[in-house]
Amino acid sequence: MTASGDPLPFATVADLDSWLTAHPAPHPGLWVKVAKKGSGIASVSAADVNDVALCHGWITGQRKGLDESYYLQKITPRRPGSLWSMVNVRRIAELTAAGRMRPGGLAEVAAARADGRWEAAYASQQEAQVPEDLAAALGRSPRAAAAFEALGRTDRYLAMLGVLRARTPRSRAAQVAAAVAKLESGREAR
């Protein structure tokens, strides 16, 4: 956010890029005002905000409505050790090829490559398949399997997400057990 805590609008990608260049990490983050489609207001788009954030080593977070003309998109510097999605890994490749990456973004990518987070990037909701270890555990629990099959696409992904994000075998086993227990109990995935 700004010193006053107010969200900021950016008419162009260059404006947002300049702001992030002038406000590198560490920084508490910023709420970006993004004009809604059809508002007639010159504004960066949500995709623009994501791209510029990635270029600087930042990440998009919460999005919320503001008024009839704008919504807000939160961007913050990546936390140390934060996980990467395959969507962002692929987007970084495109941004790098286009020569848009900035020092902060390049440093975050280098750190992720060095500690294995880059190769461990998790699949998006569209691409995610039920992990084999979760499928096997569901096969041993008819109640959990039935609950999983009854879920919609988003809730299925949420039920798998902990497993997809787990970085160690021990953590992965714990996430599988937690997912099955939650499904057996009938609690919501959210």
C-alpha atoms as a PDB file:
ATOM      1  CA  MET A   1       0.000   0.000   0.000  1.00  0.00           C
ATOM      2  CA  THR A   2       1.018   3.586  -0.206  1.00  0.00           C
ATOM      3  CA  ALA A   3       2.204   5.563   2.804  1.00  0.00           C
ATOM      4  CA  SER A   4      -1.427   6.547   3.300  1.00  0.00           C
ATOM      5  CA  GLY A   5      -2.672   2.993   2.718  1.00  0.00           C
ATOM      6  CA  ASP A   6      -4.731   4.044  -0.296  1.00  0.00           C
ATOM      7  CA  PRO A   7      -5.037   1.786  -3.340  1.00  0.00           C
ATOM      8  CA  LEU A   8      -3.420   3.131  -6.496  1.00  0.00           C
ATOM      9  CA  PRO A   9      -4.679   3.124 -10.090  1.00  0.00           C
ATOM     10  CA  PHE A  10      -2.249   2.626 -12.974  1.00  0.00           C
ATOM     11  CA  ALA A  11      -3.295   3.624 -16.477  1.00  0.00           C
ATOM     12  CA  THR A  12      -0.500   1.673 -18.174  1.00  0.00           C
ATOM     13  CA  VAL A  13       1.810  -1.274 -17.638  1.00  0.00           C
ATOM     14  CA  ALA A  14       4.741   1.160 -17.776  1.00  0.00           C
ATOM     15  CA  ASP A  15       3.246   3.151 -14.879  1.00  0.00           C
ATOM     16  CA  LEU A  16       2.941   0.053 -12.683  1.00  0.00           C
ATOM     17  CA  ASP A  17       6.407  -1.143 -13.720  1.00  0.00           C
ATOM     18  CA  SER A  18       7.881   2.241 -12.752  1.00  0.00           C
ATOM     19  CA  TRP A  19       6.121   2.179  -9.376  1.00  0.00           C
ATOM     20  CA  LEU A  20       7.443  -1.305  -8.561  1.00  0.00           C
ATOM     21  CA  THR A  21      10.943  -0.310  -9.685  1.00  0.00           C
ATOM     22  CA  ALA A  22      10.809   2.605  -7.230  1.00  0.00           C
ATOM     23  CA  HIS A  23       9.380   0.446  -4.385  1.00  0.00           C
ATOM     24  CA  PRO A  24      11.355  -2.822  -4.271  1.00  0.00           C
ATOM     25  CA  ALA A  25      11.036  -5.502  -1.604  1.00  0.00           C
ATOM     26  CA  PRO A  26      10.901  -5.454   1.316  1.00  0.00           C
ATOM     27  CA  HIS A  27       7.555  -3.713   1.042  1.00  0.00           C
ATOM     28  CA  PRO A  28       4.186  -4.365   2.706  1.00  0.00           C
ATOM     29  CA  GLY A  29       2.448  -4.611  -0.657  1.00  0.00           C
ATOM     30  CA  LEU A  30      -0.023  -2.604  -2.650  1.00  0.00           C
ATOM     31  CA  TRP A  31      -3.686  -2.662  -3.543  1.00  0.00           C
ATOM     32  CA  VAL A  32      -3.919  -1.898  -7.267  1.00  0.00           C
ATOM     33  CA  LYS A  33      -7.129  -0.314  -8.546  1.00  0.00           C
ATOM     34  CA  VAL A  34      -8.088  -2.137 -11.743  1.00  0.00           C
ATOM     35  CA  ALA A  35     -10.858  -0.639 -13.860  1.00  0.00           C
ATOM     36  CA  LYS A  36     -13.675  -3.009 -14.718  1.00  0.00           C
ATOM     37  CA  LYS A  37     -14.181  -3.906 -18.366  1.00  0.00           C
ATOM     38  CA  GLY A  38     -16.563  -1.522 -20.045  1.00  0.00           C
ATOM     39  CA  SER A  39     -15.872   1.273 -17.551  1.00  0.00           C
ATOM     40  CA  GLY A  40     -14.077   3.366 -20.173  1.00  0.00           C
ATOM     41  CA  ILE A  41     -11.268   4.072 -17.704  1.00  0.00           C
ATOM     42  CA  ALA A  42      -7.677   3.638 -18.889  1.00  0.00           C
ATOM     43  CA  SER A  43      -6.254   0.949 -16.626  1.00  0.00           C
ATOM     44  CA  VAL A  44      -3.973  -2.024 -16.363  1.00  0.00           C
ATOM     45  CA  SER A  45      -5.797  -5.354 -16.512  1.00  0.00           C
ATOM     46  CA  ALA A  46      -5.600  -8.191 -13.998  1.00  0.00           C
ATOM     47  CA  ALA A  47      -3.276 -10.040 -16.407  1.00  0.00           C
ATOM     48  CA  ASP A  48      -1.067  -6.941 -16.651  1.00  0.00           C
ATOM     49  CA  VAL A  49      -0.870  -6.704 -12.862  1.00  0.00           C
ATOM     50  CA  ASN A  50       0.111 -10.379 -12.603  1.00  0.00           C
ATOM     51  CA  ASP A  51       2.792 -10.051 -15.275  1.00  0.00           C
ATOM     52  CA  VAL A  52       4.384  -6.911 -13.854  1.00  0.00           C
ATOM     53  CA  ALA A  53       4.276  -8.380 -10.342  1.00  0.00           C
ATOM     54  CA  LEU A  54       6.054 -11.544 -11.541  1.00  0.00           C
ATOM     55  CA  CYS A  55       8.685  -9.474 -13.365  1.00  0.00           C
ATOM     56  CA  HIS A  56       9.587  -7.788 -10.072  1.00  0.00           C
ATOM     57  CA  GLY A  57       9.454 -10.884  -7.857  1.00  0.00           C
ATOM     58  CA  TRP A  58       6.032 -10.012  -6.480  1.00  0.00           C
ATOM     59  CA  ILE A  59       2.860 -12.088  -6.549  1.00  0.00           C
ATOM     60  CA  THR A  60      -0.834 -11.373  -6.843  1.00  0.00           C
ATOM     61  CA  GLY A  61      -3.064 -12.222  -3.930  1.00  0.00           C
ATOM     62  CA  GLN A  62      -6.553 -11.330  -2.825  1.00  0.00           C
ATOM     63  CA  ARG A  63      -8.940  -9.617  -5.234  1.00  0.00           C
ATOM     64  CA  LYS A  64     -12.022  -7.759  -4.052  1.00  0.00           C
ATOM     65  CA  GLY A  65     -14.644  -5.382  -5.357  1.00  0.00           C
ATOM     66  CA  LEU A  66     -14.383  -1.656  -4.743  1.00  0.00           C
ATOM     67  CA  ASP A  67     -17.182   0.128  -6.590  1.00  0.00           C
ATOM     68  CA  GLU A  68     -19.011   0.151  -9.925  1.00  0.00           C
ATOM     69  CA  SER A  69     -15.842   1.164 -11.804  1.00  0.00           C
ATOM     70  CA  TYR A  70     -12.990  -0.638 -10.030  1.00  0.00           C
ATOM     71  CA  TYR A  71     -11.948  -3.747  -8.201  1.00  0.00           C
ATOM     72  CA  LEU A  72      -8.797  -4.116  -6.121  1.00  0.00           C
ATOM     73  CA  GLN A  73      -5.941  -6.553  -6.704  1.00  0.00           C
ATOM     74  CA  LYS A  74      -3.413  -7.063  -3.901  1.00  0.00           C
ATOM     75  CA  ILE A  75       0.235  -7.531  -4.865  1.00  0.00           C
ATOM     76  CA  THR A  76       3.074  -8.250  -2.459  1.00  0.00           C
ATOM     77  CA  PRO A  77       6.697  -9.331  -2.653  1.00  0.00           C
ATOM     78  CA  ARG A  78       7.044 -13.110  -2.588  1.00  0.00           C
ATOM     79  CA  ARG A  79       7.668 -14.536   0.857  1.00  0.00           C
ATOM     80  CA  PRO A  80      10.894 -16.504   1.279  1.00  0.00           C
ATOM     81  CA  GLY A  81      10.284 -20.123   0.350  1.00  0.00           C
ATOM     82  CA  SER A  82       6.894 -19.472  -1.249  1.00  0.00           C
ATOM     83  CA  LEU A  83       5.668 -22.107  -3.657  1.00  0.00           C
ATOM     84  CA  TRP A  84       5.314 -21.600  -7.402  1.00  0.00           C
ATOM     85  CA  SER A  85       2.433 -22.612  -9.641  1.00  0.00           C
ATOM     86  CA  MET A  86       3.069 -24.122 -13.069  1.00  0.00           C
ATOM     87  CA  VAL A  87       1.015 -21.266 -14.521  1.00  0.00           C
ATOM     88  CA  ASN A  88       3.510 -18.732 -13.173  1.00  0.00           C
ATOM     89  CA  VAL A  89       6.536 -20.857 -14.110  1.00  0.00           C
ATOM     90  CA  ARG A  90       5.315 -20.908 -17.720  1.00  0.00           C
ATOM     91  CA  ARG A  91       4.487 -17.202 -17.627  1.00  0.00           C
ATOM     92  CA  ILE A  92       7.989 -16.381 -16.341  1.00  0.00           C
ATOM     93  CA  ALA A  93       9.425 -18.202 -19.372  1.00  0.00           C
ATOM     94  CA  GLU A  94       7.343 -15.976 -21.658  1.00  0.00           C
ATOM     95  CA  LEU A  95       8.241 -12.789 -19.769  1.00  0.00           C
ATOM     96  CA  THR A  96      11.925 -13.741 -19.840  1.00  0.00           C
ATOM     97  CA  ALA A  97      11.802 -14.373 -23.595  1.00  0.00           C
ATOM     98  CA  ALA A  98      10.175 -10.954 -24.020  1.00  0.00           C
ATOM     99  CA  GLY A  99      12.976  -9.302 -21.999  1.00  0.00           C
ATOM    100  CA  ARG A 100      10.591  -8.020 -19.334  1.00  0.00           C
ATOM    101  CA  MET A 101      12.107  -9.564 -16.209  1.00  0.00           C
ATOM    102  CA  ARG A 102      13.568  -7.216 -13.594  1.00  0.00           C
ATOM    103  CA  PRO A 103      16.316  -7.895 -11.017  1.00  0.00           C
ATOM    104  CA  GLY A 104      13.850  -8.730  -8.226  1.00  0.00           C
ATOM    105  CA  GLY A 105      12.004 -11.227 -10.389  1.00  0.00           C
ATOM    106  CA  LEU A 106      15.197 -12.815 -11.652  1.00  0.00           C
ATOM    107  CA  ALA A 107      16.420 -13.180  -8.056  1.00  0.00           C
ATOM    108  CA  GLU A 108      13.178 -14.933  -7.018  1.00  0.00           C
ATOM    109  CA  VAL A 109      13.440 -17.336  -9.957  1.00  0.00           C
ATOM    110  CA  ALA A 110      17.102 -18.067  -9.162  1.00  0.00           C
ATOM    111  CA  ALA A 111      16.235 -18.764  -5.512  1.00  0.00           C
ATOM    112  CA  ALA A 112      13.372 -21.078  -6.517  1.00  0.00           C
ATOM    113  CA  ARG A 113      15.614 -22.957  -8.945  1.00  0.00           C
ATOM    114  CA  ALA A 114      18.361 -23.274  -6.321  1.00  0.00           C
ATOM    115  CA  ASP A 115      16.153 -24.774  -3.600  1.00  0.00           C
ATOM    116  CA  GLY A 116      13.947 -26.977  -5.780  1.00  0.00           C
ATOM    117  CA  ARG A 117      10.723 -24.973  -5.655  1.00  0.00           C
ATOM    118  CA  TRP A 118      10.891 -24.305  -9.402  1.00  0.00           C
ATOM    119  CA  GLU A 119      10.819 -28.000 -10.296  1.00  0.00           C
ATOM    120  CA  ALA A 120       8.191 -28.644  -7.602  1.00  0.00           C
ATOM    121  CA  ALA A 121       5.702 -26.125  -9.034  1.00  0.00           C
ATOM    122  CA  TYR A 122       2.136 -27.335  -8.558  1.00  0.00           C
ATOM    123  CA  ALA A 123      -0.429 -27.826 -11.324  1.00  0.00           C
ATOM    124  CA  SER A 124      -3.295 -25.432 -11.921  1.00  0.00           C
ATOM    125  CA  GLN A 125      -6.901 -26.419 -11.299  1.00  0.00           C
ATOM    126  CA  GLN A 126      -7.398 -27.006 -15.037  1.00  0.00           C
ATOM    127  CA  GLU A 127      -4.395 -29.314 -15.329  1.00  0.00           C
ATOM    128  CA  ALA A 128      -4.305 -31.077 -11.971  1.00  0.00           C
ATOM    129  CA  GLN A 129      -4.761 -34.837 -11.934  1.00  0.00           C
ATOM    130  CA  VAL A 130      -5.548 -36.783  -8.790  1.00  0.00           C
ATOM    131  CA  PRO A 131      -2.122 -37.694  -7.369  1.00  0.00           C
ATOM    132  CA  GLU A 132      -1.458 -41.442  -7.323  1.00  0.00           C
ATOM    133  CA  ASP A 133      -0.895 -41.557  -3.566  1.00  0.00           C
ATOM    134  CA  LEU A 134      -4.167 -39.727  -2.909  1.00  0.00           C
ATOM    135  CA  ALA A 135      -6.017 -41.995  -5.357  1.00  0.00           C
ATOM    136  CA  ALA A 136      -4.604 -45.059  -3.562  1.00  0.00           C
ATOM    137  CA  ALA A 137      -5.672 -43.683  -0.179  1.00  0.00           C
ATOM    138  CA  LEU A 138      -9.150 -42.938  -1.520  1.00  0.00           C
ATOM    139  CA  GLY A 139      -9.260 -46.516  -2.816  1.00  0.00           C
ATOM    140  CA  ARG A 140      -8.790 -47.709   0.773  1.00  0.00           C
ATOM    141  CA  SER A 141     -11.615 -45.486   2.065  1.00  0.00           C
ATOM    142  CA  PRO A 142     -14.944 -45.890   0.273  1.00  0.00           C
ATOM    143  CA  ARG A 143     -16.483 -43.098   2.349  1.00  0.00           C
ATOM    144  CA  ALA A 144     -13.728 -40.612   1.441  1.00  0.00           C
ATOM    145  CA  ALA A 145     -13.806 -41.750  -2.200  1.00  0.00           C
ATOM    146  CA  ALA A 146     -17.566 -41.188  -2.404  1.00  0.00           C
ATOM    147  CA  ALA A 147     -17.219 -37.754  -0.810  1.00  0.00           C
ATOM    148  CA  PHE A 148     -14.413 -36.851  -3.230  1.00  0.00           C
ATOM    149  CA  GLU A 149     -16.438 -38.003  -6.259  1.00  0.00           C
ATOM    150  CA  ALA A 150     -19.392 -35.886  -5.098  1.00  0.00           C
ATOM    151  CA  LEU A 151     -17.302 -32.700  -5.036  1.00  0.00           C
ATOM    152  CA  GLY A 152     -17.394 -30.115  -7.782  1.00  0.00           C
ATOM    153  CA  ARG A 153     -14.253 -29.266  -9.735  1.00  0.00           C
ATOM    154  CA  THR A 154     -13.110 -26.428  -7.469  1.00  0.00           C
ATOM    155  CA  ASP A 155     -13.639 -28.366  -4.244  1.00  0.00           C
ATOM    156  CA  ARG A 156     -11.853 -31.405  -5.714  1.00  0.00           C
ATOM    157  CA  TYR A 157      -8.867 -29.202  -6.483  1.00  0.00           C
ATOM    158  CA  LEU A 158      -8.948 -27.742  -2.978  1.00  0.00           C
ATOM    159  CA  ALA A 159      -9.028 -31.268  -1.538  1.00  0.00           C
ATOM    160  CA  MET A 160      -5.910 -32.147  -3.598  1.00  0.00           C
ATOM    161  CA  LEU A 161      -4.037 -28.857  -3.235  1.00  0.00           C
ATOM    162  CA  GLY A 162      -2.181 -29.693  -0.029  1.00  0.00           C
ATOM    163  CA  VAL A 163      -0.894 -32.886  -1.639  1.00  0.00           C
ATOM    164  CA  LEU A 164       0.070 -31.053  -4.835  1.00  0.00           C
ATOM    165  CA  ARG A 165       1.984 -28.428  -2.859  1.00  0.00           C
ATOM    166  CA  ALA A 166       3.768 -30.793  -0.469  1.00  0.00           C
ATOM    167  CA  ARG A 167       7.536 -30.659  -0.904  1.00  0.00           C
ATOM    168  CA  THR A 168       8.725 -33.651   1.096  1.00  0.00           C
ATOM    169  CA  PRO A 169       7.541 -37.278   1.243  1.00  0.00           C
ATOM    170  CA  ARG A 170       6.670 -36.853   4.919  1.00  0.00           C
ATOM    171  CA  SER A 171       4.652 -33.699   4.281  1.00  0.00           C
ATOM    172  CA  ARG A 172       2.960 -35.324   1.303  1.00  0.00           C
ATOM    173  CA  ALA A 173       1.930 -38.372   3.352  1.00  0.00           C
ATOM    174  CA  ALA A 174       0.543 -36.063   6.036  1.00  0.00           C
ATOM    175  CA  GLN A 175      -1.412 -34.087   3.428  1.00  0.00           C
ATOM    176  CA  VAL A 176      -2.857 -37.281   1.931  1.00  0.00           C
ATOM    177  CA  ALA A 177      -3.933 -38.456   5.398  1.00  0.00           C
ATOM    178  CA  ALA A 178      -5.447 -35.055   6.202  1.00  0.00           C
ATOM    179  CA  ALA A 179      -7.365 -34.927   2.911  1.00  0.00           C
ATOM    180  CA  VAL A 180      -8.795 -38.415   3.431  1.00  0.00           C
ATOM    181  CA  ALA A 181      -9.729 -37.653   7.053  1.00  0.00           C
ATOM    182  CA  LYS A 182     -11.473 -34.447   6.014  1.00  0.00           C
ATOM    183  CA  LEU A 183     -13.383 -36.235   3.267  1.00  0.00           C
ATOM    184  CA  GLU A 184     -14.359 -39.058   5.634  1.00  0.00           C
ATOM    185  CA  SER A 185     -15.660 -36.536   8.162  1.00  0.00           C
ATOM    186  CA  GLY A 186     -17.812 -34.778   5.586  1.00  0.00           C
ATOM    187  CA  ARG A 187     -16.248 -31.368   6.280  1.00  0.00           C
ATOM    188  CA  GLU A 188     -16.130 -28.837   3.461  1.00  0.00           C
ATOM    189  CA  ALA A 189     -12.915 -28.642   1.417  1.00  0.00           C
ATOM    190  CA  ARG A 190     -12.853 -24.864   1.801  1.00  0.00           C
END
